[in-house]
Amino acid sequence: MHKMLMDKNLYIPSKLLTIIGALNWGLVGLLNFDLVAAIFGKKSIVSRLIYTLVGLAGVYLIISKAKCLAKKKHEETKGKHRYSGKQYSWSGIQ
């Protein structure tokens, strides 16, 4: 139960940080304007911290999505028999 709460507590901030990072990169690409650097300074510790948090948030979302997809795939195949491609008959002819 504690792990579920931790995941929910990290998911929303990670999503927000990823959106902020995407908007910042959009501004850099379109207008050559780095909003984070404009607000906090080009090489300040705060700017570097924000860039690091945005990167970690992206990694967290990738990992959580991969876990979710793996769990979904496991649940879909659970209890199902996989077809091996071989057909057997009583006469032994395939």
N, C-alpha and C. Protein backbone atom coordinates (compact mmCIF):
# COMPACT_ATOMS: atom_id res chain seq x y z
N MET A 1 0.83 -1.19 0.00
CA MET A 1 0.00 0.00 0.00
C MET A 1 0.86 1.25 0.00
N HIS A 2 1.96 1.23 0.77
CA HIS A 2 2.84 2.39 0.84
C HIS A 2 3.45 2.70 -0.53
N LYS A 3 3.82 1.65 -1.29
CA LYS A 3 4.41 1.84 -2.60
C LYS A 3 3.42 2.51 -3.55
N MET A 4 2.15 2.15 -3.46
CA MET A 4 1.14 2.77 -4.32
C MET A 4 1.01 4.25 -4.01
N LEU A 5 1.03 4.61 -2.73
CA LEU A 5 0.95 6.02 -2.36
C LEU A 5 2.17 6.78 -2.85
N MET A 6 3.34 6.17 -2.74
CA MET A 6 4.55 6.82 -3.18
C MET A 6 4.50 7.05 -4.69
N ASP A 7 4.03 6.06 -5.45
CA ASP A 7 3.94 6.21 -6.89
C ASP A 7 2.97 7.32 -7.28
N LYS A 8 1.84 7.41 -6.59
CA LYS A 8 0.88 8.47 -6.89
C LYS A 8 1.43 9.83 -6.50
N ASN A 9 2.20 9.88 -5.41
CA ASN A 9 2.79 11.14 -4.97
C ASN A 9 3.89 11.62 -5.91
N LEU A 10 4.54 10.72 -6.59
CA LEU A 10 5.60 11.10 -7.53
C LEU A 10 5.07 11.33 -8.94
N TYR A 11 3.96 10.70 -9.29
CA TYR A 11 3.46 10.76 -10.66
C TYR A 11 3.06 12.17 -11.08
N ILE A 12 2.27 12.85 -10.28
CA ILE A 12 1.77 14.18 -10.66
C ILE A 12 2.91 15.20 -10.75
N PRO A 13 3.80 15.29 -9.75
CA PRO A 13 4.92 16.23 -9.92
C PRO A 13 5.81 15.88 -11.11
N SER A 14 6.00 14.59 -11.37
CA SER A 14 6.80 14.19 -12.52
C SER A 14 6.15 14.62 -13.82
N LYS A 15 4.85 14.47 -13.87
CA LYS A 15 4.12 14.89 -15.07
C LYS A 15 4.24 16.41 -15.27
N LEU A 16 4.08 17.17 -14.19
CA LEU A 16 4.20 18.63 -14.28
C LEU A 16 5.60 19.07 -14.69
N LEU A 17 6.62 18.46 -14.10
CA LEU A 17 7.99 18.80 -14.47
C LEU A 17 8.29 18.45 -15.92
N THR A 18 7.75 17.35 -16.39
CA THR A 18 7.96 16.96 -17.78
C THR A 18 7.27 17.94 -18.72
N ILE A 19 6.10 18.40 -18.37
CA ILE A 19 5.40 19.40 -19.18
C ILE A 19 6.17 20.71 -19.21
N ILE A 20 6.67 21.13 -18.05
CA ILE A 20 7.48 22.36 -17.98
C ILE A 20 8.72 22.21 -18.87
N GLY A 21 9.37 21.07 -18.79
CA GLY A 21 10.54 20.82 -19.63
C GLY A 21 10.20 20.83 -21.11
N ALA A 22 9.07 20.22 -21.46
CA ALA A 22 8.66 20.20 -22.87
C ALA A 22 8.37 21.61 -23.37
N LEU A 23 7.68 22.41 -22.56
CA LEU A 23 7.40 23.79 -22.96
C LEU A 23 8.70 24.60 -23.10
N ASN A 24 9.63 24.40 -22.18
CA ASN A 24 10.90 25.11 -22.25
C ASN A 24 11.66 24.72 -23.52
N TRP A 25 11.71 23.42 -23.82
CA TRP A 25 12.40 22.99 -25.04
C TRP A 25 11.67 23.48 -26.29
N GLY A 26 10.36 23.58 -26.24
CA GLY A 26 9.61 24.14 -27.36
C GLY A 26 9.99 25.59 -27.60
N LEU A 27 10.12 26.35 -26.51
CA LEU A 27 10.55 27.74 -26.64
C LEU A 27 11.98 27.85 -27.17
N VAL A 28 12.84 26.95 -26.71
CA VAL A 28 14.22 26.96 -27.20
C VAL A 28 14.25 26.65 -28.69
N GLY A 29 13.47 25.66 -29.09
CA GLY A 29 13.45 25.27 -30.50
C GLY A 29 12.83 26.31 -31.42
N LEU A 30 11.73 26.90 -30.98
CA LEU A 30 11.00 27.85 -31.83
C LEU A 30 11.58 29.26 -31.79
N LEU A 31 11.91 29.73 -30.60
CA LEU A 31 12.29 31.13 -30.44
C LEU A 31 13.72 31.33 -29.94
N ASN A 32 14.45 30.23 -29.73
CA ASN A 32 15.80 30.30 -29.17
C ASN A 32 15.79 31.07 -27.84
N PHE A 33 14.77 30.76 -27.02
CA PHE A 33 14.58 31.43 -25.73
C PHE A 33 14.45 30.39 -24.64
N ASP A 34 15.38 30.38 -23.70
CA ASP A 34 15.37 29.44 -22.58
C ASP A 34 14.72 30.13 -21.39
N LEU A 35 13.46 29.78 -21.10
CA LEU A 35 12.70 30.43 -20.04
C LEU A 35 13.30 30.19 -18.66
N VAL A 36 13.75 28.97 -18.40
CA VAL A 36 14.33 28.66 -17.10
C VAL A 36 15.59 29.50 -16.87
N ALA A 37 16.43 29.58 -17.89
CA ALA A 37 17.66 30.39 -17.77
C ALA A 37 17.33 31.87 -17.64
N ALA A 38 16.27 32.33 -18.30
CA ALA A 38 15.88 33.73 -18.20
C ALA A 38 15.38 34.08 -16.80
N ILE A 39 14.70 33.14 -16.16
CA ILE A 39 14.15 33.41 -14.82
C ILE A 39 15.21 33.26 -13.74
N PHE A 40 15.98 32.17 -13.80
CA PHE A 40 16.88 31.83 -12.69
C PHE A 40 18.36 32.09 -12.98
N GLY A 41 18.68 32.48 -14.17
CA GLY A 41 20.08 32.69 -14.54
C GLY A 41 20.60 31.54 -15.37
N LYS A 42 21.49 31.87 -16.29
CA LYS A 42 21.94 30.87 -17.27
C LYS A 42 22.65 29.68 -16.65
N LYS A 43 23.55 29.92 -15.74
CA LYS A 43 24.31 28.80 -15.16
C LYS A 43 24.17 28.76 -13.64
N SER A 44 23.01 29.16 -13.16
CA SER A 44 22.81 29.16 -11.71
C SER A 44 22.54 27.75 -11.21
N ILE A 45 22.70 27.58 -9.92
CA ILE A 45 22.44 26.28 -9.30
C ILE A 45 20.96 25.92 -9.41
N VAL A 46 20.10 26.92 -9.29
CA VAL A 46 18.65 26.66 -9.38
C VAL A 46 18.28 26.16 -10.78
N SER A 47 18.85 26.77 -11.82
CA SER A 47 18.58 26.32 -13.19
C SER A 47 19.04 24.88 -13.39
N ARG A 48 20.23 24.58 -12.91
CA ARG A 48 20.75 23.22 -13.05
C ARG A 48 19.89 22.23 -12.27
N LEU A 49 19.41 22.65 -11.10
CA LEU A 49 18.53 21.79 -10.31
C LEU A 49 17.22 21.52 -11.05
N ILE A 50 16.66 22.55 -11.66
CA ILE A 50 15.41 22.39 -12.42
C ILE A 50 15.63 21.45 -13.60
N TYR A 51 16.72 21.66 -14.35
CA TYR A 51 17.01 20.77 -15.48
C TYR A 51 17.19 19.33 -15.02
N THR A 52 17.85 19.14 -13.89
CA THR A 52 18.06 17.79 -13.36
C THR A 52 16.74 17.16 -12.94
N LEU A 53 15.89 17.94 -12.27
CA LEU A 53 14.59 17.41 -11.85
C LEU A 53 13.71 17.06 -13.04
N VAL A 54 13.75 17.88 -14.08
CA VAL A 54 12.98 17.58 -15.30
C VAL A 54 13.48 16.28 -15.92
N GLY A 55 14.79 16.10 -15.98
CA GLY A 55 15.35 14.86 -16.52
C GLY A 55 14.98 13.64 -15.70
N LEU A 56 15.07 13.77 -14.37
CA LEU A 56 14.69 12.65 -13.50
C LEU A 56 13.20 12.33 -13.60
N ALA A 57 12.39 13.38 -13.75
CA ALA A 57 10.94 13.16 -13.91
C ALA A 57 10.65 12.39 -15.19
N GLY A 58 11.36 12.72 -16.25
CA GLY A 58 11.18 11.99 -17.51
C GLY A 58 11.58 10.53 -17.38
N VAL A 59 12.70 10.28 -16.72
CA VAL A 59 13.14 8.90 -16.51
C VAL A 59 12.13 8.14 -15.65
N TYR A 60 11.63 8.79 -14.61
CA TYR A 60 10.62 8.15 -13.75
C TYR A 60 9.37 7.78 -14.55
N LEU A 61 8.91 8.69 -15.41
CA LEU A 61 7.71 8.41 -16.20
C LEU A 61 7.95 7.28 -17.20
N ILE A 62 9.13 7.23 -17.78
CA ILE A 62 9.45 6.14 -18.70
C ILE A 62 9.44 4.81 -17.97
N ILE A 63 10.07 4.76 -16.81
CA ILE A 63 10.13 3.51 -16.04
C ILE A 63 8.74 3.09 -15.57
N SER A 64 7.95 4.05 -15.07
CA SER A 64 6.61 3.70 -14.58
C SER A 64 5.72 3.24 -15.73
N LYS A 65 5.87 3.82 -16.91
CA LYS A 65 5.08 3.39 -18.07
C LYS A 65 5.50 1.99 -18.51
N ALA A 66 6.80 1.72 -18.49
CA ALA A 66 7.29 0.39 -18.86
C ALA A 66 6.77 -0.67 -17.89
N LYS A 67 6.78 -0.34 -16.59
CA LYS A 67 6.25 -1.28 -15.60
C LYS A 67 4.76 -1.52 -15.82
N CYS A 68 4.04 -0.46 -16.13
CA CYS A 68 2.60 -0.56 -16.36
C CYS A 68 2.31 -1.45 -17.58
N LEU A 69 3.07 -1.24 -18.65
CA LEU A 69 2.88 -2.05 -19.86
C LEU A 69 3.23 -3.50 -19.62
N ALA A 70 4.30 -3.75 -18.86
CA ALA A 70 4.70 -5.12 -18.55
C ALA A 70 3.64 -5.81 -17.70
N LYS A 71 3.09 -5.09 -16.74
CA LYS A 71 2.04 -5.66 -15.89
C LYS A 71 0.79 -5.95 -16.71
N LYS A 72 0.44 -5.05 -17.61
CA LYS A 72 -0.73 -5.25 -18.46
C LYS A 72 -0.54 -6.46 -19.37
N LYS A 73 0.65 -6.60 -19.95
CA LYS A 73 0.94 -7.73 -20.81
C LYS A 73 0.89 -9.03 -20.03
N HIS A 74 1.41 -9.01 -18.80
CA HIS A 74 1.39 -10.20 -17.95
C HIS A 74 -0.05 -10.60 -17.62
N GLU A 75 -0.89 -9.61 -17.34
CA GLU A 75 -2.29 -9.90 -17.01
C GLU A 75 -3.05 -10.43 -18.21
N GLU A 76 -2.71 -9.94 -19.41
CA GLU A 76 -3.38 -10.41 -20.62
C GLU A 76 -3.03 -11.86 -20.93
N THR A 77 -1.77 -12.25 -20.71
CA THR A 77 -1.35 -13.61 -21.03
C THR A 77 -1.58 -14.58 -19.88
N LYS A 78 -1.94 -14.06 -18.72
CA LYS A 78 -2.15 -14.91 -17.55
C LYS A 78 -3.35 -15.82 -17.79
N GLY A 79 -3.13 -17.11 -17.63
CA GLY A 79 -4.21 -18.07 -17.75
C GLY A 79 -4.50 -18.50 -19.18
N LYS A 80 -3.80 -17.92 -20.15
CA LYS A 80 -4.01 -18.31 -21.54
C LYS A 80 -2.92 -19.28 -21.95
N HIS A 81 -3.31 -20.22 -22.79
CA HIS A 81 -2.34 -21.15 -23.34
C HIS A 81 -1.81 -20.57 -24.63
N ARG A 82 -0.52 -20.65 -24.79
CA ARG A 82 0.08 -20.13 -26.00
C ARG A 82 0.09 -21.23 -27.06
N TYR A 83 -0.18 -20.87 -28.28
CA TYR A 83 -0.18 -21.80 -29.40
C TYR A 83 1.24 -21.99 -29.86
N SER A 84 1.70 -23.22 -29.89
CA SER A 84 3.09 -23.51 -30.25
C SER A 84 3.28 -23.62 -31.75
N GLY A 85 2.21 -23.72 -32.51
CA GLY A 85 2.33 -23.86 -33.95
C GLY A 85 2.32 -25.30 -34.41
N LYS A 86 2.42 -26.23 -33.49
CA LYS A 86 2.44 -27.64 -33.87
C LYS A 86 1.03 -28.22 -33.72
N GLN A 87 0.69 -29.04 -34.65
CA GLN A 87 -0.60 -29.73 -34.59
C GLN A 87 -0.31 -31.23 -34.49
N TYR A 88 -0.94 -31.86 -33.51
CA TYR A 88 -0.71 -33.28 -33.32
C TYR A 88 -1.99 -34.04 -33.63
N SER A 89 -1.78 -35.22 -34.18
CA SER A 89 -2.93 -36.09 -34.41
C SER A 89 -2.58 -37.48 -33.87
N TRP A 90 -3.57 -38.34 -33.78
CA TRP A 90 -3.35 -39.66 -33.23
C TRP A 90 -2.45 -40.51 -34.12
N SER A 91 -2.47 -40.24 -35.41
CA SER A 91 -1.68 -41.06 -36.32
C SER A 91 -0.20 -40.64 -36.34
N GLY A 92 0.11 -39.50 -35.75
CA GLY A 92 1.49 -39.03 -35.71
C GLY A 92 1.87 -38.20 -36.92
N ILE A 93 0.94 -38.03 -37.86
CA ILE A 93 1.22 -37.21 -39.05
C ILE A 93 0.84 -35.76 -38.73
N GLN A 94 1.68 -34.86 -39.12
CA GLN A 94 1.41 -33.45 -38.85
C GLN A 94 1.02 -32.72 -40.10
